Amino acid sequence: MGISWKEIATSGMILFAVIDIIGSIPIIIELRKKVGHIQSEKATIVAAIIMILFMFLGEEILKFIGIDVNSFAVAGSFVLFFLSLEMILGITLYKDEAPETASIVPIAFPLIAGAGTMTSILSLRAEFQAVNIGIAILINSVFVYIVLKSSAKIERMFGKSGINIIRKVFGIILMAIAVKLFAANVKDLFA
């Protein structure tokens, strides 16, 4: 019931891979071109609040609709698996409408705190302490803010191929996490 650096590191890496803010740099740059200024501070704060609220209220919402955390974690492992396929293969399985404005809605939600992130947070709750996940969310939020503020510089530094390589590496890590999450929770469904 305390702070575990291992849990923080694991949660942080999972959230980093799922949020995929590096892979979202092309989207952020495109939004910046279309609508001008993106409010990095506001987008980051709203995304962090959404993630932390969902971490605490998500399980109660599931109980209200009659779903246990293990079932959600198994379902979440499938979402993470398909997200990792998108990252590794460079394909789009989930299509979303292009946002018209770069306000809180397209950046904070669903780009940062989207369905994959919510699923991951609840799946992590099945295995880790809330305090460690909360710290991982805050660390990722700081990183998201830095990336939002300096997306143009990052794109110039890594180039398109560098960002693609990073995305594929995190895709493989995310796929391994999805398999582990599935294996850890599927046995409890049949117990």
N, C-alpha and C. Protein backbone atom coordinates (compact mmCIF):
# COMPACT_ATOMS: atom_id res chain seq x y z
N MET A 1 0.85 -1.20 0.00
CA MET A 1 0.00 0.00 0.00
C MET A 1 0.88 1.24 0.00
N GLY A 2 1.99 1.18 -0.69
CA GLY A 2 2.86 2.34 -0.74
C GLY A 2 3.36 2.60 -2.14
N ILE A 3 4.29 3.50 -2.22
CA ILE A 3 4.86 3.86 -3.51
C ILE A 3 5.83 2.76 -3.95
N SER A 4 5.62 2.27 -5.15
CA SER A 4 6.49 1.25 -5.73
C SER A 4 7.04 1.79 -7.05
N TRP A 5 8.36 1.94 -7.11
CA TRP A 5 8.97 2.50 -8.33
C TRP A 5 8.78 1.57 -9.51
N LYS A 6 8.71 0.26 -9.23
CA LYS A 6 8.48 -0.70 -10.30
C LYS A 6 7.09 -0.51 -10.91
N GLU A 7 6.07 -0.35 -10.03
CA GLU A 7 4.70 -0.13 -10.51
C GLU A 7 4.59 1.20 -11.25
N ILE A 8 5.25 2.23 -10.74
CA ILE A 8 5.23 3.55 -11.39
C ILE A 8 5.86 3.44 -12.78
N ALA A 9 7.01 2.76 -12.85
CA ALA A 9 7.71 2.61 -14.13
C ALA A 9 6.88 1.81 -15.12
N THR A 10 6.29 0.70 -14.67
CA THR A 10 5.48 -0.13 -15.56
C THR A 10 4.24 0.63 -16.02
N SER A 11 3.52 1.24 -15.06
CA SER A 11 2.32 2.02 -15.41
C SER A 11 2.68 3.17 -16.35
N GLY A 12 3.79 3.84 -16.04
CA GLY A 12 4.23 4.96 -16.86
C GLY A 12 4.54 4.55 -18.29
N MET A 13 5.23 3.41 -18.45
CA MET A 13 5.56 2.93 -19.79
C MET A 13 4.31 2.52 -20.56
N ILE A 14 3.37 1.85 -19.87
CA ILE A 14 2.12 1.45 -20.53
C ILE A 14 1.37 2.70 -21.00
N LEU A 15 1.20 3.67 -20.10
CA LEU A 15 0.48 4.89 -20.47
C LEU A 15 1.21 5.67 -21.56
N PHE A 16 2.54 5.71 -21.49
CA PHE A 16 3.32 6.39 -22.51
C PHE A 16 3.08 5.76 -23.88
N ALA A 17 3.06 4.42 -23.91
CA ALA A 17 2.84 3.72 -25.17
C ALA A 17 1.42 3.93 -25.69
N VAL A 18 0.43 3.91 -24.78
CA VAL A 18 -0.97 4.04 -25.19
C VAL A 18 -1.29 5.48 -25.60
N ILE A 19 -0.85 6.44 -24.80
CA ILE A 19 -1.10 7.85 -25.14
C ILE A 19 -0.41 8.17 -26.46
N ASP A 20 0.78 7.60 -26.68
CA ASP A 20 1.52 7.72 -27.93
C ASP A 20 1.63 9.17 -28.40
N ILE A 21 2.06 10.04 -27.50
CA ILE A 21 2.16 11.46 -27.83
C ILE A 21 3.22 11.71 -28.89
N ILE A 22 4.28 10.91 -28.92
CA ILE A 22 5.30 11.05 -29.97
C ILE A 22 4.69 10.70 -31.32
N GLY A 23 3.95 9.60 -31.37
CA GLY A 23 3.28 9.21 -32.62
C GLY A 23 2.20 10.18 -33.04
N SER A 24 1.70 10.97 -32.09
CA SER A 24 0.66 11.95 -32.40
C SER A 24 1.21 13.29 -32.87
N ILE A 25 2.54 13.44 -32.88
CA ILE A 25 3.14 14.71 -33.30
C ILE A 25 2.67 15.14 -34.69
N PRO A 26 2.61 14.23 -35.69
CA PRO A 26 2.09 14.67 -36.99
C PRO A 26 0.66 15.22 -36.92
N ILE A 27 -0.19 14.59 -36.08
CA ILE A 27 -1.57 15.07 -35.91
C ILE A 27 -1.58 16.45 -35.26
N ILE A 28 -0.74 16.61 -34.22
CA ILE A 28 -0.66 17.89 -33.50
C ILE A 28 -0.18 19.00 -34.44
N ILE A 29 0.83 18.69 -35.25
CA ILE A 29 1.35 19.68 -36.20
C ILE A 29 0.28 20.06 -37.22
N GLU A 30 -0.46 19.06 -37.70
CA GLU A 30 -1.54 19.32 -38.66
C GLU A 30 -2.62 20.20 -38.04
N LEU A 31 -2.99 19.91 -36.78
CA LEU A 31 -3.99 20.73 -36.08
C LEU A 31 -3.49 22.16 -35.90
N ARG A 32 -2.21 22.28 -35.56
CA ARG A 32 -1.62 23.60 -35.36
C ARG A 32 -1.67 24.42 -36.67
N LYS A 33 -1.42 23.75 -37.79
CA LYS A 33 -1.48 24.43 -39.10
C LYS A 33 -2.90 24.87 -39.43
N LYS A 34 -3.89 24.01 -39.08
CA LYS A 34 -5.29 24.30 -39.42
C LYS A 34 -5.88 25.42 -38.58
N VAL A 35 -5.62 25.38 -37.26
CA VAL A 35 -6.32 26.32 -36.37
C VAL A 35 -5.40 27.29 -35.64
N GLY A 36 -4.12 27.20 -35.87
CA GLY A 36 -3.19 28.11 -35.22
C GLY A 36 -2.72 27.59 -33.88
N HIS A 37 -2.89 28.38 -32.83
CA HIS A 37 -2.35 28.08 -31.50
C HIS A 37 -3.10 26.94 -30.81
N ILE A 38 -2.35 26.04 -30.18
CA ILE A 38 -2.92 24.99 -29.33
C ILE A 38 -2.59 25.34 -27.88
N GLN A 39 -3.61 25.32 -27.03
CA GLN A 39 -3.40 25.64 -25.61
C GLN A 39 -2.86 24.41 -24.90
N SER A 40 -1.53 24.29 -24.87
CA SER A 40 -0.86 23.10 -24.32
C SER A 40 -1.16 22.89 -22.84
N GLU A 41 -1.12 23.99 -22.05
CA GLU A 41 -1.36 23.88 -20.61
C GLU A 41 -2.76 23.36 -20.34
N LYS A 42 -3.76 23.97 -20.96
CA LYS A 42 -5.15 23.60 -20.72
C LYS A 42 -5.42 22.17 -21.17
N ALA A 43 -4.91 21.79 -22.34
CA ALA A 43 -5.12 20.44 -22.86
C ALA A 43 -4.50 19.40 -21.93
N THR A 44 -3.31 19.68 -21.42
CA THR A 44 -2.62 18.74 -20.54
C THR A 44 -3.35 18.60 -19.20
N ILE A 45 -3.75 19.71 -18.61
CA ILE A 45 -4.44 19.68 -17.31
C ILE A 45 -5.77 18.95 -17.42
N VAL A 46 -6.55 19.25 -18.47
CA VAL A 46 -7.84 18.59 -18.65
C VAL A 46 -7.65 17.08 -18.86
N ALA A 47 -6.67 16.69 -19.67
CA ALA A 47 -6.41 15.26 -19.90
C ALA A 47 -6.02 14.56 -18.60
N ALA A 48 -5.15 15.19 -17.79
CA ALA A 48 -4.74 14.59 -16.51
C ALA A 48 -5.93 14.44 -15.57
N ILE A 49 -6.79 15.44 -15.51
CA ILE A 49 -7.99 15.38 -14.64
C ILE A 49 -8.90 14.25 -15.10
N ILE A 50 -9.13 14.13 -16.41
CA ILE A 50 -9.97 13.06 -16.95
C ILE A 50 -9.41 11.69 -16.56
N MET A 51 -8.09 11.52 -16.74
CA MET A 51 -7.47 10.22 -16.43
C MET A 51 -7.56 9.89 -14.94
N ILE A 52 -7.28 10.87 -14.08
CA ILE A 52 -7.31 10.62 -12.63
C ILE A 52 -8.74 10.35 -12.16
N LEU A 53 -9.71 11.12 -12.66
CA LEU A 53 -11.11 10.87 -12.30
C LEU A 53 -11.55 9.47 -12.73
N PHE A 54 -11.16 9.09 -13.94
CA PHE A 54 -11.55 7.77 -14.44
C PHE A 54 -10.88 6.66 -13.64
N MET A 55 -9.66 6.92 -13.16
CA MET A 55 -8.97 5.93 -12.34
C MET A 55 -9.77 5.62 -11.07
N PHE A 56 -10.37 6.66 -10.47
CA PHE A 56 -11.12 6.47 -9.23
C PHE A 56 -12.58 6.11 -9.45
N LEU A 57 -13.20 6.66 -10.50
CA LEU A 57 -14.64 6.44 -10.72
C LEU A 57 -14.94 5.35 -11.73
N GLY A 58 -13.95 4.97 -12.53
CA GLY A 58 -14.18 3.99 -13.58
C GLY A 58 -14.71 2.66 -13.08
N GLU A 59 -14.14 2.17 -11.97
CA GLU A 59 -14.58 0.89 -11.41
C GLU A 59 -16.02 0.95 -10.92
N GLU A 60 -16.40 2.09 -10.30
CA GLU A 60 -17.78 2.25 -9.83
C GLU A 60 -18.75 2.30 -11.01
N ILE A 61 -18.32 2.95 -12.09
CA ILE A 61 -19.16 2.99 -13.29
C ILE A 61 -19.36 1.57 -13.83
N LEU A 62 -18.28 0.78 -13.84
CA LEU A 62 -18.38 -0.61 -14.30
C LEU A 62 -19.31 -1.42 -13.41
N LYS A 63 -19.17 -1.26 -12.08
CA LYS A 63 -20.04 -1.99 -11.15
C LYS A 63 -21.50 -1.62 -11.38
N PHE A 64 -21.74 -0.34 -11.65
CA PHE A 64 -23.10 0.14 -11.88
C PHE A 64 -23.73 -0.56 -13.08
N ILE A 65 -22.92 -0.82 -14.13
CA ILE A 65 -23.47 -1.49 -15.32
C ILE A 65 -23.23 -3.00 -15.30
N GLY A 66 -22.66 -3.52 -14.18
CA GLY A 66 -22.55 -4.95 -13.97
C GLY A 66 -21.37 -5.63 -14.63
N ILE A 67 -20.24 -4.95 -14.73
CA ILE A 67 -19.03 -5.54 -15.32
C ILE A 67 -17.94 -5.53 -14.27
N ASP A 68 -17.25 -6.69 -14.10
CA ASP A 68 -16.15 -6.72 -13.12
C ASP A 68 -14.85 -6.25 -13.77
N VAL A 69 -13.88 -5.87 -12.94
CA VAL A 69 -12.62 -5.29 -13.41
C VAL A 69 -11.83 -6.29 -14.27
N ASN A 70 -11.88 -7.58 -13.91
CA ASN A 70 -11.14 -8.57 -14.70
C ASN A 70 -11.68 -8.67 -16.12
N SER A 71 -12.99 -8.65 -16.27
CA SER A 71 -13.59 -8.67 -17.61
C SER A 71 -13.15 -7.44 -18.41
N PHE A 72 -13.16 -6.30 -17.73
CA PHE A 72 -12.75 -5.06 -18.40
C PHE A 72 -11.27 -5.12 -18.77
N ALA A 73 -10.46 -5.72 -17.89
CA ALA A 73 -9.02 -5.84 -18.16
C ALA A 73 -8.76 -6.74 -19.36
N VAL A 74 -9.53 -7.84 -19.47
CA VAL A 74 -9.38 -8.73 -20.63
C VAL A 74 -9.80 -7.99 -21.90
N ALA A 75 -10.94 -7.30 -21.83
CA ALA A 75 -11.38 -6.50 -22.99
C ALA A 75 -10.35 -5.43 -23.32
N GLY A 76 -9.78 -4.83 -22.26
CA GLY A 76 -8.75 -3.81 -22.45
C GLY A 76 -7.51 -4.38 -23.11
N SER A 77 -7.18 -5.63 -22.81
CA SER A 77 -6.00 -6.25 -23.44
C SER A 77 -6.21 -6.37 -24.94
N PHE A 78 -7.45 -6.62 -25.37
CA PHE A 78 -7.73 -6.67 -26.81
C PHE A 78 -7.57 -5.29 -27.45
N VAL A 79 -8.06 -4.25 -26.76
CA VAL A 79 -7.92 -2.88 -27.28
C VAL A 79 -6.44 -2.53 -27.41
N LEU A 80 -5.66 -2.84 -26.37
CA LEU A 80 -4.22 -2.56 -26.40
C LEU A 80 -3.53 -3.35 -27.51
N PHE A 81 -3.96 -4.60 -27.72
CA PHE A 81 -3.38 -5.42 -28.77
C PHE A 81 -3.62 -4.78 -30.14
N PHE A 82 -4.85 -4.32 -30.38
CA PHE A 82 -5.16 -3.71 -31.68
C PHE A 82 -4.47 -2.35 -31.85
N LEU A 83 -4.34 -1.59 -30.74
CA LEU A 83 -3.58 -0.34 -30.80
C LEU A 83 -2.13 -0.62 -31.16
N SER A 84 -1.57 -1.69 -30.58
CA SER A 84 -0.18 -2.03 -30.88
C SER A 84 -0.03 -2.45 -32.34
N LEU A 85 -1.03 -3.16 -32.88
CA LEU A 85 -1.00 -3.52 -34.31
C LEU A 85 -0.97 -2.28 -35.19
N GLU A 86 -1.79 -1.29 -34.82
CA GLU A 86 -1.79 -0.03 -35.57
C GLU A 86 -0.41 0.61 -35.56
N MET A 87 0.22 0.62 -34.37
CA MET A 87 1.53 1.26 -34.22
C MET A 87 2.61 0.51 -35.00
N ILE A 88 2.59 -0.82 -34.93
CA ILE A 88 3.63 -1.63 -35.57
C ILE A 88 3.47 -1.64 -37.08
N LEU A 89 2.25 -1.86 -37.55
CA LEU A 89 2.01 -2.02 -38.99
C LEU A 89 1.75 -0.71 -39.72
N GLY A 90 1.53 0.37 -38.96
CA GLY A 90 1.26 1.66 -39.59
C GLY A 90 -0.08 1.71 -40.29
N ILE A 91 -1.06 0.96 -39.74
CA ILE A 91 -2.40 0.94 -40.32
C ILE A 91 -3.36 1.64 -39.36
N THR A 92 -4.55 1.94 -39.84
CA THR A 92 -5.57 2.55 -38.99
C THR A 92 -6.77 1.62 -38.94
N LEU A 93 -6.98 1.00 -37.77
CA LEU A 93 -8.14 0.14 -37.56
C LEU A 93 -9.32 0.96 -37.06
N TYR A 94 -9.02 1.98 -36.24
CA TYR A 94 -10.06 2.83 -35.67
C TYR A 94 -10.02 4.18 -36.39
N LYS A 95 -11.14 4.50 -37.02
CA LYS A 95 -11.20 5.77 -37.75
C LYS A 95 -12.08 6.74 -36.97
N ASP A 96 -11.58 7.95 -36.82
CA ASP A 96 -12.29 8.99 -36.09
C ASP A 96 -12.45 10.19 -37.02
N GLU A 97 -13.51 10.95 -36.80
CA GLU A 97 -13.69 12.16 -37.60
C GLU A 97 -12.58 13.15 -37.31
N ALA A 98 -12.15 13.86 -38.35
CA ALA A 98 -11.11 14.87 -38.17
C ALA A 98 -11.68 16.04 -37.38
N PRO A 99 -11.00 16.47 -36.32
CA PRO A 99 -11.50 17.59 -35.54
C PRO A 99 -11.44 18.89 -36.32
N GLU A 100 -12.42 19.77 -36.07
CA GLU A 100 -12.47 21.04 -36.77
C GLU A 100 -11.72 22.13 -36.03
N THR A 101 -11.60 22.00 -34.71
CA THR A 101 -10.85 22.98 -33.94
C THR A 101 -9.88 22.26 -33.00
N ALA A 102 -8.76 22.88 -32.73
CA ALA A 102 -7.76 22.27 -31.83
C ALA A 102 -7.95 22.81 -30.43
N SER A 103 -9.12 22.55 -29.86
CA SER A 103 -9.39 22.98 -28.49
C SER A 103 -9.15 21.82 -27.55
N ILE A 104 -9.77 21.86 -26.38
CA ILE A 104 -9.62 20.81 -25.39
C ILE A 104 -10.09 19.47 -25.96
N VAL A 105 -11.20 19.50 -26.70
CA VAL A 105 -11.82 18.26 -27.16
C VAL A 105 -10.90 17.39 -28.03
N PRO A 106 -10.33 17.86 -29.12
CA PRO A 106 -9.53 16.90 -29.87
C PRO A 106 -8.18 16.56 -29.24
N ILE A 107 -7.58 17.49 -28.50
CA ILE A 107 -6.25 17.21 -27.93
C ILE A 107 -6.37 16.43 -26.62
N ALA A 108 -7.04 17.03 -25.62
CA ALA A 108 -7.15 16.38 -24.31
C ALA A 108 -7.97 15.09 -24.41
N PHE A 109 -9.06 15.17 -25.12
CA PHE A 109 -9.91 14.00 -25.35
C PHE A 109 -10.40 14.05 -26.77
N PRO A 110 -10.15 13.08 -27.60
CA PRO A 110 -9.67 11.74 -27.32
C PRO A 110 -8.19 11.49 -27.60
N LEU A 111 -7.43 12.49 -28.05
CA LEU A 111 -6.04 12.23 -28.44
C LEU A 111 -5.19 11.74 -27.28
N ILE A 112 -5.25 12.44 -26.13
CA ILE A 112 -4.44 12.04 -24.97
C ILE A 112 -5.22 11.07 -24.09
N ALA A 113 -6.36 11.48 -23.60
CA ALA A 113 -7.17 10.64 -22.71
C ALA A 113 -8.31 10.00 -23.49
N GLY A 114 -7.95 9.12 -24.41
CA GLY A 114 -8.95 8.45 -25.25
C GLY A 114 -9.36 7.11 -24.69
N ALA A 115 -10.04 6.33 -25.52
CA ALA A 115 -10.56 5.03 -25.11
C ALA A 115 -9.44 4.08 -24.68
N GLY A 116 -8.33 4.07 -25.43
CA GLY A 116 -7.21 3.19 -25.09
C GLY A 116 -6.61 3.54 -23.75
N THR A 117 -6.49 4.85 -23.48
CA THR A 117 -5.93 5.31 -22.21
C THR A 117 -6.85 4.92 -21.05
N MET A 118 -8.15 5.13 -21.22
CA MET A 118 -9.12 4.78 -20.16
C MET A 118 -9.09 3.29 -19.87
N THR A 119 -9.07 2.49 -20.95
CA THR A 119 -9.02 1.04 -20.79
C THR A 119 -7.76 0.64 -20.05
N SER A 120 -6.64 1.25 -20.42
CA SER A 120 -5.36 0.93 -19.77
C SER A 120 -5.39 1.28 -18.29
N ILE A 121 -5.93 2.44 -17.96
CA ILE A 121 -5.98 2.88 -16.56
C ILE A 121 -6.78 1.89 -15.72
N LEU A 122 -7.95 1.47 -16.22
CA LEU A 122 -8.75 0.51 -15.45
C LEU A 122 -8.07 -0.85 -15.40
N SER A 123 -7.42 -1.24 -16.48
CA SER A 123 -6.68 -2.50 -16.49
C SER A 123 -5.54 -2.46 -15.48
N LEU A 124 -4.85 -1.33 -15.40
CA LEU A 124 -3.76 -1.16 -14.44
C LEU A 124 -4.29 -1.22 -13.01
N ARG A 125 -5.50 -0.69 -12.80
CA ARG A 125 -6.12 -0.72 -11.47
C ARG A 125 -6.33 -2.15 -10.98
N ALA A 126 -6.49 -3.09 -11.92
CA ALA A 126 -6.67 -4.49 -11.55
C ALA A 126 -5.38 -5.09 -10.99
N GLU A 127 -4.23 -4.47 -11.30
CA GLU A 127 -2.94 -5.02 -10.89
C GLU A 127 -2.14 -4.14 -9.92
N PHE A 128 -2.26 -2.80 -10.04
CA PHE A 128 -1.38 -1.89 -9.31
C PHE A 128 -2.14 -0.98 -8.35
N GLN A 129 -1.39 -0.38 -7.42
CA GLN A 129 -1.94 0.58 -6.46
C GLN A 129 -2.28 1.90 -7.16
N ALA A 130 -3.36 2.54 -6.72
CA ALA A 130 -3.81 3.80 -7.33
C ALA A 130 -2.75 4.90 -7.24
N VAL A 131 -2.04 4.97 -6.12
CA VAL A 131 -1.04 6.02 -5.94
C VAL A 131 0.05 5.93 -7.01
N ASN A 132 0.46 4.70 -7.34
CA ASN A 132 1.51 4.51 -8.34
C ASN A 132 1.02 4.85 -9.75
N ILE A 133 -0.23 4.49 -10.04
CA ILE A 133 -0.82 4.83 -11.34
C ILE A 133 -0.98 6.35 -11.43
N GLY A 134 -1.41 6.97 -10.32
CA GLY A 134 -1.56 8.43 -10.29
C GLY A 134 -0.26 9.15 -10.58
N ILE A 135 0.82 8.69 -9.97
CA ILE A 135 2.15 9.29 -10.22
C ILE A 135 2.53 9.09 -11.68
N ALA A 136 2.26 7.88 -12.22
CA ALA A 136 2.56 7.62 -13.64
C ALA A 136 1.76 8.54 -14.56
N ILE A 137 0.50 8.81 -14.20
CA ILE A 137 -0.33 9.73 -14.99
C ILE A 137 0.28 11.13 -14.96
N LEU A 138 0.70 11.59 -13.77
CA LEU A 138 1.29 12.92 -13.65
C LEU A 138 2.60 13.04 -14.43
N ILE A 139 3.45 12.00 -14.36
CA ILE A 139 4.71 12.01 -15.11
C ILE A 139 4.43 12.07 -16.61
N ASN A 140 3.46 11.26 -17.07
CA ASN A 140 3.10 11.28 -18.48
C ASN A 140 2.50 12.63 -18.89
N SER A 141 1.75 13.25 -17.98
CA SER A 141 1.15 14.56 -18.28
C SER A 141 2.24 15.62 -18.49
N VAL A 142 3.29 15.56 -17.67
CA VAL A 142 4.42 16.49 -17.83
C VAL A 142 5.06 16.27 -19.20
N PHE A 143 5.26 15.00 -19.55
CA PHE A 143 5.86 14.68 -20.84
C PHE A 143 4.97 15.14 -21.99
N VAL A 144 3.65 14.92 -21.86
CA VAL A 144 2.69 15.36 -22.88
C VAL A 144 2.79 16.87 -23.07
N TYR A 145 2.85 17.60 -21.95
CA TYR A 145 2.96 19.06 -22.02
C TYR A 145 4.22 19.49 -22.78
N ILE A 146 5.34 18.86 -22.44
CA ILE A 146 6.61 19.19 -23.12
C ILE A 146 6.51 18.93 -24.61
N VAL A 147 5.92 17.79 -24.97
CA VAL A 147 5.78 17.44 -26.39
C VAL A 147 4.83 18.41 -27.10
N LEU A 148 3.71 18.75 -26.46
CA LEU A 148 2.77 19.71 -27.07
C LEU A 148 3.44 21.06 -27.30
N LYS A 149 4.23 21.49 -26.33
CA LYS A 149 4.90 22.79 -26.43
C LYS A 149 5.98 22.81 -27.51
N SER A 150 6.65 21.67 -27.71
CA SER A 150 7.79 21.66 -28.63
C SER A 150 7.63 20.66 -29.78
N SER A 151 6.40 20.44 -30.24
CA SER A 151 6.15 19.44 -31.28
C SER A 151 6.89 19.75 -32.59
N ALA A 152 6.95 20.99 -32.96
CA ALA A 152 7.65 21.34 -34.21
C ALA A 152 9.15 21.04 -34.12
N LYS A 153 9.75 21.37 -32.96
CA LYS A 153 11.18 21.08 -32.76
C LYS A 153 11.45 19.58 -32.77
N ILE A 154 10.57 18.81 -32.13
CA ILE A 154 10.74 17.36 -32.07
C ILE A 154 10.66 16.76 -33.47
N GLU A 155 9.72 17.25 -34.26
CA GLU A 155 9.58 16.73 -35.62
C GLU A 155 10.85 17.00 -36.44
N ARG A 156 11.39 18.21 -36.30
CA ARG A 156 12.64 18.53 -37.02
C ARG A 156 13.80 17.67 -36.53
N MET A 157 13.85 17.41 -35.21
CA MET A 157 14.96 16.67 -34.62
C MET A 157 14.96 15.19 -35.05
N PHE A 158 13.80 14.52 -34.94
CA PHE A 158 13.72 13.09 -35.25
C PHE A 158 13.43 12.80 -36.72
N GLY A 159 12.72 13.72 -37.36
CA GLY A 159 12.29 13.46 -38.73
C GLY A 159 11.15 12.46 -38.73
N LYS A 160 10.53 12.30 -39.89
CA LYS A 160 9.38 11.41 -40.00
C LYS A 160 9.76 9.95 -39.73
N SER A 161 10.91 9.52 -40.26
CA SER A 161 11.31 8.13 -40.09
C SER A 161 11.69 7.84 -38.64
N GLY A 162 12.31 8.79 -37.94
CA GLY A 162 12.65 8.61 -36.53
C GLY A 162 11.42 8.44 -35.67
N ILE A 163 10.38 9.24 -35.92
CA ILE A 163 9.13 9.13 -35.17
C ILE A 163 8.46 7.79 -35.46
N ASN A 164 8.54 7.33 -36.72
CA ASN A 164 7.95 6.03 -37.07
C ASN A 164 8.66 4.89 -36.35
N ILE A 165 9.99 4.96 -36.23
CA ILE A 165 10.75 3.92 -35.53
C ILE A 165 10.36 3.88 -34.05
N ILE A 166 10.28 5.06 -33.41
CA ILE A 166 9.87 5.13 -32.00
C ILE A 166 8.48 4.54 -31.82
N ARG A 167 7.59 4.88 -32.74
CA ARG A 167 6.21 4.38 -32.66
C ARG A 167 6.17 2.85 -32.75
N LYS A 168 6.96 2.27 -33.64
CA LYS A 168 6.99 0.81 -33.82
C LYS A 168 7.58 0.11 -32.58
N VAL A 169 8.62 0.69 -32.00
CA VAL A 169 9.22 0.11 -30.79
C VAL A 169 8.19 0.08 -29.66
N PHE A 170 7.48 1.20 -29.46
CA PHE A 170 6.46 1.24 -28.42
C PHE A 170 5.27 0.36 -28.76
N GLY A 171 5.02 0.13 -30.03
CA GLY A 171 3.97 -0.80 -30.44
C GLY A 171 4.28 -2.21 -30.00
N ILE A 172 5.54 -2.63 -30.16
CA ILE A 172 5.95 -3.98 -29.75
C ILE A 172 5.86 -4.12 -28.22
N ILE A 173 6.30 -3.08 -27.50
CA ILE A 173 6.20 -3.10 -26.03
C ILE A 173 4.74 -3.20 -25.61
N LEU A 174 3.88 -2.42 -26.27
CA LEU A 174 2.45 -2.42 -25.94
C LEU A 174 1.82 -3.78 -26.23
N MET A 175 2.24 -4.44 -27.30
CA MET A 175 1.71 -5.76 -27.63
C MET A 175 2.08 -6.77 -26.54
N ALA A 176 3.32 -6.72 -26.07
CA ALA A 176 3.76 -7.63 -25.00
C ALA A 176 2.96 -7.36 -23.72
N ILE A 177 2.70 -6.10 -23.43
CA ILE A 177 1.90 -5.73 -22.25
C ILE A 177 0.48 -6.26 -22.39
N ALA A 178 -0.09 -6.17 -23.59
CA ALA A 178 -1.46 -6.66 -23.84
C ALA A 178 -1.55 -8.16 -23.59
N VAL A 179 -0.55 -8.90 -24.05
CA VAL A 179 -0.53 -10.35 -23.85
C VAL A 179 -0.43 -10.67 -22.36
N LYS A 180 0.44 -9.96 -21.63
CA LYS A 180 0.61 -10.18 -20.19
C LYS A 180 -0.68 -9.85 -19.44
N LEU A 181 -1.33 -8.74 -19.80
CA LEU A 181 -2.57 -8.32 -19.17
C LEU A 181 -3.67 -9.36 -19.39
N PHE A 182 -3.75 -9.89 -20.60
CA PHE A 182 -4.73 -10.92 -20.93
C PHE A 182 -4.48 -12.16 -20.08
N ALA A 183 -3.23 -12.63 -20.06
CA ALA A 183 -2.87 -13.84 -19.32
C ALA A 183 -3.14 -13.69 -17.82
N ALA A 184 -2.87 -12.51 -17.27
CA ALA A 184 -3.04 -12.28 -15.82
C ALA A 184 -4.50 -12.23 -15.41
N ASN A 185 -5.40 -11.83 -16.31
CA ASN A 185 -6.79 -11.64 -15.93
C ASN A 185 -7.76 -12.69 -16.46
N VAL A 186 -7.40 -13.38 -17.54
CA VAL A 186 -8.36 -14.32 -18.15
C VAL A 186 -8.64 -15.51 -17.22
N LYS A 187 -7.66 -15.95 -16.44
CA LYS A 187 -7.88 -17.11 -15.54
C LYS A 187 -8.92 -16.81 -14.46
N ASP A 188 -8.98 -15.52 -14.03
CA ASP A 188 -9.96 -15.14 -13.00
C ASP A 188 -11.40 -15.15 -13.51
N LEU A 189 -11.57 -15.07 -14.82
CA LEU A 189 -12.90 -15.08 -15.39
C LEU A 189 -13.54 -16.47 -15.28
N PHE A 190 -12.69 -17.50 -15.30
CA PHE A 190 -13.19 -18.87 -15.28
C PHE A 190 -13.02 -19.53 -13.90
N ALA A 191 -12.54 -18.77 -12.92
CA ALA A 191 -12.33 -19.33 -11.58
C ALA A 191 -13.64 -19.45 -10.83
